[in-house]
C-alpha atoms as a PDB file:
ATOM      1  CA  UNK A   1       0.000   0.000   0.000  1.00  0.00           C
ATOM      2  CA  UNK A   2       1.015   3.614  -0.516  1.00  0.00           C
ATOM      3  CA  UNK A   3       1.290   5.594   2.736  1.00  0.00           C
ATOM      4  CA  UNK A   4       0.883   9.240   3.641  1.00  0.00           C
ATOM      5  CA  UNK A   5       4.633   9.319   4.184  1.00  0.00           C
ATOM      6  CA  UNK A   6       5.157   8.184   0.576  1.00  0.00           C
ATOM      7  CA  UNK A   7       2.998  11.059  -0.649  1.00  0.00           C
ATOM      8  CA  UNK A   8       4.813  13.543   1.565  1.00  0.00           C
ATOM      9  CA  UNK A   9       8.164  12.314   0.234  1.00  0.00           C
ATOM     10  CA  UNK A  10       6.844  12.761  -3.301  1.00  0.00           C
ATOM     11  CA  UNK A  11       5.799  16.318  -2.415  1.00  0.00           C
ATOM     12  CA  UNK A  12       9.365  17.082  -1.356  1.00  0.00           C
ATOM     13  CA  UNK A  13      10.762  15.619  -4.587  1.00  0.00           C
ATOM     14  CA  UNK A  14       8.523  17.634  -6.869  1.00  0.00           C
ATOM     15  CA  UNK A  15       8.606  20.869  -4.831  1.00  0.00           C
ATOM     16  CA  UNK A  16       9.675  23.776  -7.011  1.00  0.00           C
ATOM     17  CA  UNK A  17       9.313  21.633 -10.137  1.00  0.00           C
ATOM     18  CA  UNK A  18       5.614  20.799 -10.313  1.00  0.00           C
ATOM     19  CA  UNK A  19       3.181  23.657  -9.799  1.00  0.00           C
ATOM     20  CA  UNK A  20       0.976  24.012  -6.725  1.00  0.00           C
ATOM     21  CA  UNK A  21      -2.182  24.640  -8.733  1.00  0.00           C
ATOM     22  CA  UNK A  22      -4.764  26.974  -7.150  1.00  0.00           C
ATOM     23  CA  UNK A  23      -8.373  26.358  -6.207  1.00  0.00           C
ATOM     24  CA  UNK A  24     -10.656  28.373  -8.473  1.00  0.00           C
ATOM     25  CA  UNK A  25     -14.341  29.023  -7.640  1.00  0.00           C
ATOM     26  CA  UNK A  26     -16.817  27.471 -10.071  1.00  0.00           C
ATOM     27  CA  UNK A  27     -19.932  28.438  -8.146  1.00  0.00           C
ATOM     28  CA  UNK A  28     -20.924  28.809  -4.507  1.00  0.00           C
ATOM     29  CA  UNK A  29     -19.031  26.204  -2.471  1.00  0.00           C
ATOM     30  CA  UNK A  30     -17.601  24.435  -5.532  1.00  0.00           C
ATOM     31  CA  UNK A  31     -13.969  24.786  -6.540  1.00  0.00           C
ATOM     32  CA  UNK A  32     -11.838  23.635  -9.448  1.00  0.00           C
ATOM     33  CA  UNK A  33      -8.344  22.217  -9.015  1.00  0.00           C
ATOM     34  CA  UNK A  34      -6.962  23.099 -12.497  1.00  0.00           C
ATOM     35  CA  UNK A  35      -4.252  20.562 -13.264  1.00  0.00           C
ATOM     36  CA  UNK A  36      -4.581  21.680 -16.878  1.00  0.00           C
ATOM     37  CA  UNK A  37      -2.270  24.477 -15.655  1.00  0.00           C
ATOM     38  CA  UNK A  38       0.306  21.921 -14.487  1.00  0.00           C
ATOM     39  CA  UNK A  39       3.614  21.382 -16.287  1.00  0.00           C
ATOM     40  CA  UNK A  40       2.779  19.500 -19.551  1.00  0.00           C
ATOM     41  CA  UNK A  41      -0.888  20.409 -19.027  1.00  0.00           C
ATOM     42  CA  UNK A  42      -1.775  17.425 -16.847  1.00  0.00           C
ATOM     43  CA  UNK A  43      -1.499  15.969 -13.338  1.00  0.00           C
ATOM     44  CA  UNK A  44       0.547  13.125 -14.823  1.00  0.00           C
ATOM     45  CA  UNK A  45       3.732  15.184 -14.540  1.00  0.00           C
ATOM     46  CA  UNK A  46       3.616  14.866 -10.746  1.00  0.00           C
ATOM     47  CA  UNK A  47       3.812  11.089 -10.706  1.00  0.00           C
ATOM     48  CA  UNK A  48       6.268  10.869 -13.587  1.00  0.00           C
ATOM     49  CA  UNK A  49       8.725  13.269 -11.983  1.00  0.00           C
ATOM     50  CA  UNK A  50       8.427  11.523  -8.625  1.00  0.00           C
ATOM     51  CA  UNK A  51       9.020   8.110 -10.225  1.00  0.00           C
ATOM     52  CA  UNK A  52      12.086   9.154 -12.201  1.00  0.00           C
ATOM     53  CA  UNK A  53      13.635  11.193  -9.394  1.00  0.00           C
ATOM     54  CA  UNK A  54      13.309   8.210  -7.047  1.00  0.00           C
ATOM     55  CA  UNK A  55      15.507   5.998  -9.263  1.00  0.00           C
ATOM     56  CA  UNK A  56      19.143   5.342  -8.455  1.00  0.00           C
ATOM     57  CA  UNK A  57      21.581   7.355 -10.602  1.00  0.00           C
ATOM     58  CA  UNK A  58      22.750   4.158 -12.302  1.00  0.00           C
ATOM     59  CA  UNK A  59      19.230   3.029 -13.215  1.00  0.00           C
ATOM     60  CA  UNK A  60      18.151   6.501 -14.264  1.00  0.00           C
ATOM     61  CA  UNK A  61      21.131   6.986 -16.580  1.00  0.00           C
ATOM     62  CA  UNK A  62      20.043   4.046 -18.773  1.00  0.00           C
ATOM     63  CA  UNK A  63      16.778   5.785 -19.597  1.00  0.00           C
ATOM     64  CA  UNK A  64      13.096   5.016 -19.180  1.00  0.00           C
ATOM     65  CA  UNK A  65      10.242   3.580 -21.216  1.00  0.00           C
ATOM     66  CA  UNK A  66       6.509   4.182 -20.798  1.00  0.00           C
ATOM     67  CA  UNK A  67       3.236   3.515 -22.596  1.00  0.00           C
ATOM     68  CA  UNK A  68       0.446   6.071 -22.777  1.00  0.00           C
ATOM     69  CA  UNK A  69      -2.328   7.581 -24.859  1.00  0.00           C
ATOM     70  CA  UNK A  70      -0.884  11.025 -24.257  1.00  0.00           C
ATOM     71  CA  UNK A  71      -0.733  12.734 -20.848  1.00  0.00           C
ATOM     72  CA  UNK A  72       1.475  10.184 -19.101  1.00  0.00           C
ATOM     73  CA  UNK A  73       3.606  10.192 -22.244  1.00  0.00           C
ATOM     74  CA  UNK A  74       4.169  13.925 -21.937  1.00  0.00           C
ATOM     75  CA  UNK A  75       4.776  13.716 -18.204  1.00  0.00           C
ATOM     76  CA  UNK A  76       7.459  11.043 -18.557  1.00  0.00           C
ATOM     77  CA  UNK A  77       9.049  12.758 -21.548  1.00  0.00           C
ATOM     78  CA  UNK A  78       9.255  16.064 -19.693  1.00  0.00           C
ATOM     79  CA  UNK A  79      10.544  14.530 -16.462  1.00  0.00           C
ATOM     80  CA  UNK A  80      13.168  12.547 -18.385  1.00  0.00           C
ATOM     81  CA  UNK A  81      14.259  15.686 -20.226  1.00  0.00           C
ATOM     82  CA  UNK A  82      14.623  17.566 -16.936  1.00  0.00           C
ATOM     83  CA  UNK A  83      16.785  14.745 -15.587  1.00  0.00           C
ATOM     84  CA  UNK A  84      18.868  14.659 -18.759  1.00  0.00           C
ATOM     85  CA  UNK A  85      18.046  11.039 -19.628  1.00  0.00           C
ATOM     86  CA  UNK A  86      16.502   9.376 -22.722  1.00  0.00           C
ATOM     87  CA  UNK A  87      12.836   8.376 -22.833  1.00  0.00           C
ATOM     88  CA  UNK A  88      11.031   5.983 -25.160  1.00  0.00           C
ATOM     89  CA  UNK A  89       7.248   6.288 -25.221  1.00  0.00           C
ATOM     90  CA  UNK A  90       4.847   3.711 -26.688  1.00  0.00           C
ATOM     91  CA  UNK A  91       1.691   5.494 -27.891  1.00  0.00           C
ATOM     92  CA  UNK A  92      -1.442   3.845 -29.370  1.00  0.00           C
ATOM     93  CA  UNK A  93      -2.566   4.712 -32.877  1.00  0.00           C
ATOM     94  CA  UNK A  94      -5.764   6.437 -31.701  1.00  0.00           C
ATOM     95  CA  UNK A  95      -4.004   8.967 -29.431  1.00  0.00           C
ATOM     96  CA  UNK A  96      -4.721  12.636 -30.234  1.00  0.00           C
ATOM     97  CA  UNK A  97      -2.051  13.996 -32.571  1.00  0.00           C
ATOM     98  CA  UNK A  98      -1.424  17.029 -30.400  1.00  0.00           C
ATOM     99  CA  UNK A  99      -0.415  14.808 -27.475  1.00  0.00           C
ATOM    100  CA  UNK A 100       1.967  12.842 -29.697  1.00  0.00           C
ATOM    101  CA  UNK A 101       3.525  16.044 -31.017  1.00  0.00           C
ATOM    102  CA  UNK A 102       4.016  17.505 -27.560  1.00  0.00           C
ATOM    103  CA  UNK A 103       5.602  14.279 -26.312  1.00  0.00           C
ATOM    104  CA  UNK A 104       8.063  14.338 -29.190  1.00  0.00           C
ATOM    105  CA  UNK A 105       8.804  17.999 -28.479  1.00  0.00           C
ATOM    106  CA  UNK A 106      10.337  16.952 -25.148  1.00  0.00           C
ATOM    107  CA  UNK A 107      12.844  14.842 -27.080  1.00  0.00           C
ATOM    108  CA  UNK A 108      11.293  11.429 -26.491  1.00  0.00           C
ATOM    109  CA  UNK A 109      11.508   8.583 -28.986  1.00  0.00           C
ATOM    110  CA  UNK A 110       7.971   7.688 -30.101  1.00  0.00           C
ATOM    111  CA  UNK A 111       6.916   4.098 -30.862  1.00  0.00           C
ATOM    112  CA  UNK A 112       3.365   3.626 -32.172  1.00  0.00           C
ATOM    113  CA  UNK A 113       1.284   0.518 -31.419  1.00  0.00           C
ATOM    114  CA  UNK A 114      -2.296  -0.844 -31.724  1.00  0.00           C
ATOM    115  CA  UNK A 115      -4.936   0.630 -29.410  1.00  0.00           C
ATOM    116  CA  UNK A 116      -5.634  -2.099 -26.783  1.00  0.00           C
ATOM    117  CA  UNK A 117      -4.048  -1.396 -23.380  1.00  0.00           C
ATOM    118  CA  UNK A 118      -2.501  -4.857 -23.156  1.00  0.00           C
ATOM    119  CA  UNK A 119      -0.850  -4.435 -26.560  1.00  0.00           C
ATOM    120  CA  UNK A 120       0.823  -1.144 -25.766  1.00  0.00           C
ATOM    121  CA  UNK A 121       2.058  -2.561 -22.469  1.00  0.00           C
ATOM    122  CA  UNK A 122       3.442  -5.620 -24.291  1.00  0.00           C
ATOM    123  CA  UNK A 123       5.394  -3.395 -26.667  1.00  0.00           C
ATOM    124  CA  UNK A 124       6.733  -1.333 -23.765  1.00  0.00           C
ATOM    125  CA  UNK A 125       7.802  -4.486 -21.905  1.00  0.00           C
ATOM    126  CA  UNK A 126       9.652  -5.750 -24.969  1.00  0.00           C
ATOM    127  CA  UNK A 127      11.551  -2.476 -25.201  1.00  0.00           C
ATOM    128  CA  UNK A 128      12.290  -2.551 -21.479  1.00  0.00           C
ATOM    129  CA  UNK A 129      13.734  -6.040 -21.681  1.00  0.00           C
ATOM    130  CA  UNK A 130      15.706  -5.563 -24.898  1.00  0.00           C
ATOM    131  CA  UNK A 131      17.267  -2.225 -23.886  1.00  0.00           C
ATOM    132  CA  UNK A 132      17.487  -2.600 -20.115  1.00  0.00           C
ATOM    133  CA  UNK A 133      15.337   0.467 -19.418  1.00  0.00           C
ATOM    134  CA  UNK A 134      13.254   1.315 -16.361  1.00  0.00           C
ATOM    135  CA  UNK A 135       9.532   0.999 -17.025  1.00  0.00           C
ATOM    136  CA  UNK A 136       7.411   3.892 -15.727  1.00  0.00           C
ATOM    137  CA  UNK A 137       3.867   2.552 -15.507  1.00  0.00           C
ATOM    138  CA  UNK A 138       1.013   4.998 -16.181  1.00  0.00           C
ATOM    139  CA  UNK A 139      -0.957   4.188 -13.016  1.00  0.00           C
ATOM    140  CA  UNK A 140      -0.318   0.779 -11.404  1.00  0.00           C
ATOM    141  CA  UNK A 141       2.849   1.941  -9.658  1.00  0.00           C
ATOM    142  CA  UNK A 142       3.355   3.135  -6.076  1.00  0.00           C
ATOM    143  CA  UNK A 143       5.640   5.952  -7.239  1.00  0.00           C
ATOM    144  CA  UNK A 144       2.986   7.275  -9.609  1.00  0.00           C
ATOM    145  CA  UNK A 145       0.224   6.981  -7.009  1.00  0.00           C
ATOM    146  CA  UNK A 146       2.298   8.861  -4.427  1.00  0.00           C
ATOM    147  CA  UNK A 147       3.075  11.631  -6.897  1.00  0.00           C
ATOM    148  CA  UNK A 148      -0.580  12.096  -7.814  1.00  0.00           C
ATOM    149  CA  UNK A 149      -1.454  12.062  -4.123  1.00  0.00           C
ATOM    150  CA  UNK A 150       0.337  15.394  -3.698  1.00  0.00           C
ATOM    151  CA  UNK A 151      -2.808  16.982  -5.152  1.00  0.00           C
ATOM    152  CA  UNK A 152      -4.670  15.899  -2.031  1.00  0.00           C
ATOM    153  CA  UNK A 153      -2.076  17.566   0.193  1.00  0.00           C
ATOM    154  CA  UNK A 154      -2.483  20.817  -1.710  1.00  0.00           C
ATOM    155  CA  UNK A 155      -6.276  20.701  -1.496  1.00  0.00           C
ATOM    156  CA  UNK A 156      -6.232  20.276   2.273  1.00  0.00           C
ATOM    157  CA  UNK A 157      -3.665  23.048   2.712  1.00  0.00           C
ATOM    158  CA  UNK A 158      -5.876  25.440   0.720  1.00  0.00           C
ATOM    159  CA  UNK A 159      -9.341  24.293   1.870  1.00  0.00           C
ATOM    160  CA  UNK A 160      -9.233  22.616   5.274  1.00  0.00           C
ATOM    161  CA  UNK A 161     -12.996  22.090   5.504  1.00  0.00           C
ATOM    162  CA  UNK A 162     -13.516  20.442   2.117  1.00  0.00           C
ATOM    163  CA  UNK A 163     -16.385  17.959   2.241  1.00  0.00           C
ATOM    164  CA  UNK A 164     -16.018  16.150  -1.084  1.00  0.00           C
ATOM    165  CA  UNK A 165     -13.336  15.720  -3.735  1.00  0.00           C
ATOM    166  CA  UNK A 166     -14.412  14.548  -7.200  1.00  0.00           C
ATOM    167  CA  UNK A 167     -11.695  12.771  -9.184  1.00  0.00           C
ATOM    168  CA  UNK A 168     -11.721  11.367 -12.714  1.00  0.00           C
ATOM    169  CA  UNK A 169     -10.736   7.704 -12.915  1.00  0.00           C
ATOM    170  CA  UNK A 170      -9.174   5.620 -15.658  1.00  0.00           C
ATOM    171  CA  UNK A 171      -6.463   3.291 -14.433  1.00  0.00           C
ATOM    172  CA  UNK A 172      -6.945   4.661 -10.929  1.00  0.00           C
ATOM    173  CA  UNK A 173      -3.584   6.263 -10.126  1.00  0.00           C
ATOM    174  CA  UNK A 174      -4.995   9.734  -9.548  1.00  0.00           C
ATOM    175  CA  UNK A 175      -7.979   8.489  -7.557  1.00  0.00           C
ATOM    176  CA  UNK A 176      -5.860   6.143  -5.429  1.00  0.00           C
ATOM    177  CA  UNK A 177      -3.260   8.828  -4.728  1.00  0.00           C
ATOM    178  CA  UNK A 178      -5.732  11.523  -3.743  1.00  0.00           C
ATOM    179  CA  UNK A 179      -7.729   9.069  -1.613  1.00  0.00           C
ATOM    180  CA  UNK A 180      -4.530   8.075   0.200  1.00  0.00           C
ATOM    181  CA  UNK A 181      -3.613  11.604   1.223  1.00  0.00           C
ATOM    182  CA  UNK A 182      -7.138  12.913   1.835  1.00  0.00           C
ATOM    183  CA  UNK A 183      -8.299  10.006   3.995  1.00  0.00           C
ATOM    184  CA  UNK A 184      -5.088  10.005   6.034  1.00  0.00           C
ATOM    185  CA  UNK A 185      -5.447  13.688   6.949  1.00  0.00           C
ATOM    186  CA  UNK A 186      -9.213  14.256   6.713  1.00  0.00           C
ATOM    187  CA  UNK A 187     -11.081  10.942   7.098  1.00  0.00           C
ATOM    188  CA  UNK A 188     -14.519  12.580   6.945  1.00  0.00           C
ATOM    189  CA  UNK A 189     -13.874  14.103   3.525  1.00  0.00           C
ATOM    190  CA  UNK A 190     -15.513  12.041   0.784  1.00  0.00           C
ATOM    191  CA  UNK A 191     -13.504  11.009  -2.262  1.00  0.00           C
ATOM    192  CA  UNK A 192     -15.609  10.078  -5.287  1.00  0.00           C
ATOM    193  CA  UNK A 193     -14.429   8.827  -8.663  1.00  0.00           C
ATOM    194  CA  UNK A 194     -16.038   9.961 -11.927  1.00  0.00           C
ATOM    195  CA  UNK A 195     -15.772   8.165 -15.260  1.00  0.00           C
ATOM    196  CA  UNK A 196     -17.657   8.058 -18.572  1.00  0.00           C
ATOM    197  CA  UNK A 197     -20.606   5.704 -18.998  1.00  0.00           C
ATOM    198  CA  UNK A 198     -18.844   4.298 -22.071  1.00  0.00           C
ATOM    199  CA  UNK A 199     -15.777   3.267 -20.044  1.00  0.00           C
ATOM    200  CA  UNK A 200     -17.184   2.379 -16.640  1.00  0.00           C
ATOM    201  CA  UNK A 201     -14.870  -0.502 -15.768  1.00  0.00           C
ATOM    202  CA  UNK A 202     -13.795   1.180 -12.508  1.00  0.00           C
ATOM    203  CA  UNK A 203     -17.375   1.594 -11.291  1.00  0.00           C
ATOM    204  CA  UNK A 204     -18.083  -1.986 -12.375  1.00  0.00           C
ATOM    205  CA  UNK A 205     -15.094  -3.207 -10.360  1.00  0.00           C
ATOM    206  CA  UNK A 206     -15.919  -1.020  -7.352  1.00  0.00           C
ATOM    207  CA  UNK A 207     -19.427  -2.421  -6.952  1.00  0.00           C
ATOM    208  CA  UNK A 208     -18.484  -5.995  -7.826  1.00  0.00           C
ATOM    209  CA  UNK A 209     -15.682  -5.791  -5.223  1.00  0.00           C
ATOM    210  CA  UNK A 210     -13.319  -7.389  -7.711  1.00  0.00           C
ATOM    211  CA  UNK A 211     -11.288  -6.094 -10.643  1.00  0.00           C
ATOM    212  CA  UNK A 212     -13.155  -6.294 -13.919  1.00  0.00           C
ATOM    213  CA  UNK A 213     -11.912  -5.320 -17.357  1.00  0.00           C
ATOM    214  CA  UNK A 214     -13.762  -4.056 -20.411  1.00  0.00           C
ATOM    215  CA  UNK A 215     -12.936  -4.850 -24.007  1.00  0.00           C
ATOM    216  CA  UNK A 216     -10.999  -2.220 -25.956  1.00  0.00           C
ATOM    217  CA  UNK A 217     -13.898  -1.898 -28.401  1.00  0.00           C
ATOM    218  CA  UNK A 218     -16.051  -0.633 -25.526  1.00  0.00           C
ATOM    219  CA  UNK A 219     -13.751   1.818 -23.760  1.00  0.00           C
ATOM    220  CA  UNK A 220     -12.560   3.442 -26.984  1.00  0.00           C
ATOM    221  CA  UNK A 221     -16.108   4.679 -27.584  1.00  0.00           C
ATOM    222  CA  UNK A 222     -15.691   7.496 -25.092  1.00  0.00           C
ATOM    223  CA  UNK A 223     -14.455  10.889 -26.150  1.00  0.00           C
ATOM    224  CA  UNK A 224     -12.456  10.955 -22.900  1.00  0.00           C
ATOM    225  CA  UNK A 225      -9.223   9.504 -24.290  1.00  0.00           C
ATOM    226  CA  UNK A 226      -7.435   9.917 -20.958  1.00  0.00           C
ATOM    227  CA  UNK A 227      -9.568   7.211 -19.310  1.00  0.00           C
ATOM    228  CA  UNK A 228      -9.766   4.587 -22.047  1.00  0.00           C
ATOM    229  CA  UNK A 229      -7.968   2.038 -19.890  1.00  0.00           C
ATOM    230  CA  UNK A 230      -9.580  -1.403 -19.979  1.00  0.00           C
ATOM    231  CA  UNK A 231      -9.201  -2.089 -16.282  1.00  0.00           C
ATOM    232  CA  UNK A 232      -8.155  -0.464 -13.045  1.00  0.00           C
ATOM    233  CA  UNK A 233      -4.662  -1.220 -11.728  1.00  0.00           C
ATOM    234  CA  UNK A 234      -4.102  -3.965  -9.154  1.00  0.00           C
ATOM    235  CA  UNK A 235      -2.538  -1.731  -6.489  1.00  0.00           C
ATOM    236  CA  UNK A 236      -4.919   1.072  -7.389  1.00  0.00           C
ATOM    237  CA  UNK A 237      -7.960  -1.154  -6.890  1.00  0.00           C
ATOM    238  CA  UNK A 238      -6.725  -2.259  -3.480  1.00  0.00           C
ATOM    239  CA  UNK A 239      -6.432   1.348  -2.334  1.00  0.00           C
ATOM    240  CA  UNK A 240      -9.646   2.501  -3.989  1.00  0.00           C
ATOM    241  CA  UNK A 241     -11.645  -0.366  -2.461  1.00  0.00           C
ATOM    242  CA  UNK A 242     -10.598   0.717   1.025  1.00  0.00           C
ATOM    243  CA  UNK A 243     -10.498   4.489   0.717  1.00  0.00           C
ATOM    244  CA  UNK A 244     -12.921   5.710  -1.962  1.00  0.00           C
ATOM    245  CA  UNK A 245     -16.548   6.435  -1.072  1.00  0.00           C
ATOM    246  CA  UNK A 246     -18.166   5.964  -4.484  1.00  0.00           C
ATOM    247  CA  UNK A 247     -17.631   5.921  -8.245  1.00  0.00           C
ATOM    248  CA  UNK A 248     -20.197   7.550 -10.503  1.00  0.00           C
ATOM    249  CA  UNK A 249     -20.557   7.944 -14.266  1.00  0.00           C
ATOM    250  CA  UNK A 250     -21.551  10.701 -16.678  1.00  0.00           C
ATOM    251  CA  UNK A 251     -22.683  10.770 -20.291  1.00  0.00           C
ATOM    252  CA  UNK A 252     -20.684  11.913 -23.301  1.00  0.00           C
ATOM    253  CA  UNK A 253     -23.130  14.783 -23.768  1.00  0.00           C
ATOM    254  CA  UNK A 254     -22.553  15.941 -20.207  1.00  0.00           C
ATOM    255  CA  UNK A 255     -18.786  15.965 -20.761  1.00  0.00           C
ATOM    256  CA  UNK A 256     -19.074  18.114 -23.891  1.00  0.00           C
ATOM    257  CA  UNK A 257     -21.442  20.526 -22.130  1.00  0.00           C
ATOM    258  CA  UNK A 258     -19.012  20.808 -19.215  1.00  0.00           C
ATOM    259  CA  UNK A 259     -16.111  21.523 -21.570  1.00  0.00           C
ATOM    260  CA  UNK A 260     -18.098  24.354 -23.113  1.00  0.00           C
ATOM    261  CA  UNK A 261     -19.172  25.716 -19.734  1.00  0.00           C
ATOM    262  CA  UNK A 262     -15.620  25.697 -18.377  1.00  0.00           C
ATOM    263  CA  UNK A 263     -14.297  27.533 -21.402  1.00  0.00           C
ATOM    264  CA  UNK A 264     -17.014  30.187 -21.517  1.00  0.00           C
ATOM    265  CA  UNK A 265     -17.542  30.752 -17.802  1.00  0.00           C
ATOM    266  CA  UNK A 266     -14.120  30.120 -16.237  1.00  0.00           C
ATOM    267  CA  UNK A 267     -11.857  30.613 -19.277  1.00  0.00           C
ATOM    268  CA  UNK A 268     -10.325  27.162 -18.745  1.00  0.00           C
ATOM    269  CA  UNK A 269      -9.708  25.173 -21.919  1.00  0.00           C
ATOM    270  CA  UNK A 270      -9.776  21.502 -20.901  1.00  0.00           C
ATOM    271  CA  UNK A 271      -9.717  18.124 -22.596  1.00  0.00           C
ATOM    272  CA  UNK A 272     -12.776  15.851 -22.288  1.00  0.00           C
ATOM    273  CA  UNK A 273     -11.303  13.842 -19.407  1.00  0.00           C
ATOM    274  CA  UNK A 274     -10.598  17.064 -17.551  1.00  0.00           C
ATOM    275  CA  UNK A 275     -14.285  17.963 -17.717  1.00  0.00           C
ATOM    276  CA  UNK A 276     -15.571  14.734 -16.154  1.00  0.00           C
ATOM    277  CA  UNK A 277     -15.880  16.013 -12.596  1.00  0.00           C
ATOM    278  CA  UNK A 278     -17.537  19.257 -13.618  1.00  0.00           C
ATOM    279  CA  UNK A 279     -19.916  17.223 -15.788  1.00  0.00           C
ATOM    280  CA  UNK A 280     -21.001  15.245 -12.722  1.00  0.00           C
ATOM    281  CA  UNK A 281     -22.133  18.456 -11.038  1.00  0.00           C
ATOM    282  CA  UNK A 282     -23.531  20.177 -14.117  1.00  0.00           C
ATOM    283  CA  UNK A 283     -25.647  17.127 -15.005  1.00  0.00           C
ATOM    284  CA  UNK A 284     -26.678  16.681 -11.345  1.00  0.00           C
ATOM    285  CA  UNK A 285     -25.354  13.130 -11.224  1.00  0.00           C
ATOM    286  CA  UNK A 286     -23.671  14.418  -8.079  1.00  0.00           C
ATOM    287  CA  UNK A 287     -25.362  17.068  -5.914  1.00  0.00           C
ATOM    288  CA  UNK A 288     -22.949  18.827  -3.528  1.00  0.00           C
ATOM    289  CA  UNK A 289     -23.989  19.406   0.076  1.00  0.00           C
ATOM    290  CA  UNK A 290     -20.840  21.194   1.204  1.00  0.00           C
ATOM    291  CA  UNK A 291     -17.542  22.528  -0.073  1.00  0.00           C
ATOM    292  CA  UNK A 292     -16.556  20.424  -3.068  1.00  0.00           C
ATOM    293  CA  UNK A 293     -13.400  20.284  -5.183  1.00  0.00           C
ATOM    294  CA  UNK A 294     -13.485  19.089  -8.793  1.00  0.00           C
ATOM    295  CA  UNK A 295     -10.156  17.859 -10.142  1.00  0.00           C
ATOM    296  CA  UNK A 296      -9.626  19.189 -13.659  1.00  0.00           C
ATOM    297  CA  UNK A 297      -7.130  16.547 -14.724  1.00  0.00           C
ATOM    298  CA  UNK A 298      -5.743  18.050 -17.928  1.00  0.00           C
ATOM    299  CA  UNK A 299      -5.966  20.513 -20.768  1.00  0.00           C
ATOM    300  CA  UNK A 300      -4.320  18.759 -23.712  1.00  0.00           C
ATOM    301  CA  UNK A 301      -7.335  19.038 -25.950  1.00  0.00           C
ATOM    302  CA  UNK A 302      -7.685  18.612 -29.697  1.00  0.00           C
ATOM    303  CA  UNK A 303      -8.191  22.174 -31.068  1.00  0.00           C
ATOM    304  CA  UNK A 304     -10.651  20.897 -33.684  1.00  0.00           C
ATOM    305  CA  UNK A 305     -12.745  19.216 -30.984  1.00  0.00           C
ATOM    306  CA  UNK A 306     -12.820  22.319 -28.814  1.00  0.00           C
ATOM    307  CA  UNK A 307     -13.894  24.372 -31.817  1.00  0.00           C
ATOM    308  CA  UNK A 308     -16.799  21.976 -32.429  1.00  0.00           C
ATOM    309  CA  UNK A 309     -17.787  22.114 -28.770  1.00  0.00           C
ATOM    310  CA  UNK A 310     -17.928  25.902 -28.804  1.00  0.00           C
ATOM    311  CA  UNK A 311     -19.876  26.265 -32.031  1.00  0.00           C
END
């Protein structure tokens, strides 16, 4: 399990590198935690930097490999660049082009692969074994979970009486990390996961009390490319089962409406996954009763999609 001490150590590692993102008011008693303003435009940078900085100098010098549809790719590429080491990133064919371009801009070697999660992991494992690189998993990794958990520390330092934190969930690294830090310091605060109806494997697993996976043909239906994972991570599920209060789902239409609302009313340009938590409130799937924080996970949107949303 990941402990509060692990998260606090991660906070020390990323201090001065990752941004302490602010809490922005959405409406009365509801706040946004805009990780779209984070380095690389996503919360993923936190975990990636923590993971790479925790490696021994000898291991780190050989380089790292990761697999991702985009945001983890950018986080690892950026963290590797800052450490002066090579990074190889395996990216599925259906990843948004802008995320691929931004990953390459950090100097990473890009390897494309088919869309299924198990296929991109297989390719990454082959590269790891053939080149002797350190694999930086996108979510099922204690170092990643601890890094993402630093968001919870920031929330509690800025809003001590927060009642609920809404967190998007794909593989579960962000949800597990935030639940770890929030529940350790504020046990009464509720932590609730939010995912698309079209990729509800985490909710399915949560209520079945066992890990369940969905076929790639199902999860790729959602516009929220950041949560198209086919199943929640093993370590993540263990933490989520013990520390998360609920997992809810929202429609594709609600996500698009939330994207538009965030852009027009708060001037935040976010990707579909980043709008999930706001969509839960806007569509009244979740009705706040006290101070609530919505994690805006990222802002690496497709410009053409945002244009369609706004028209």
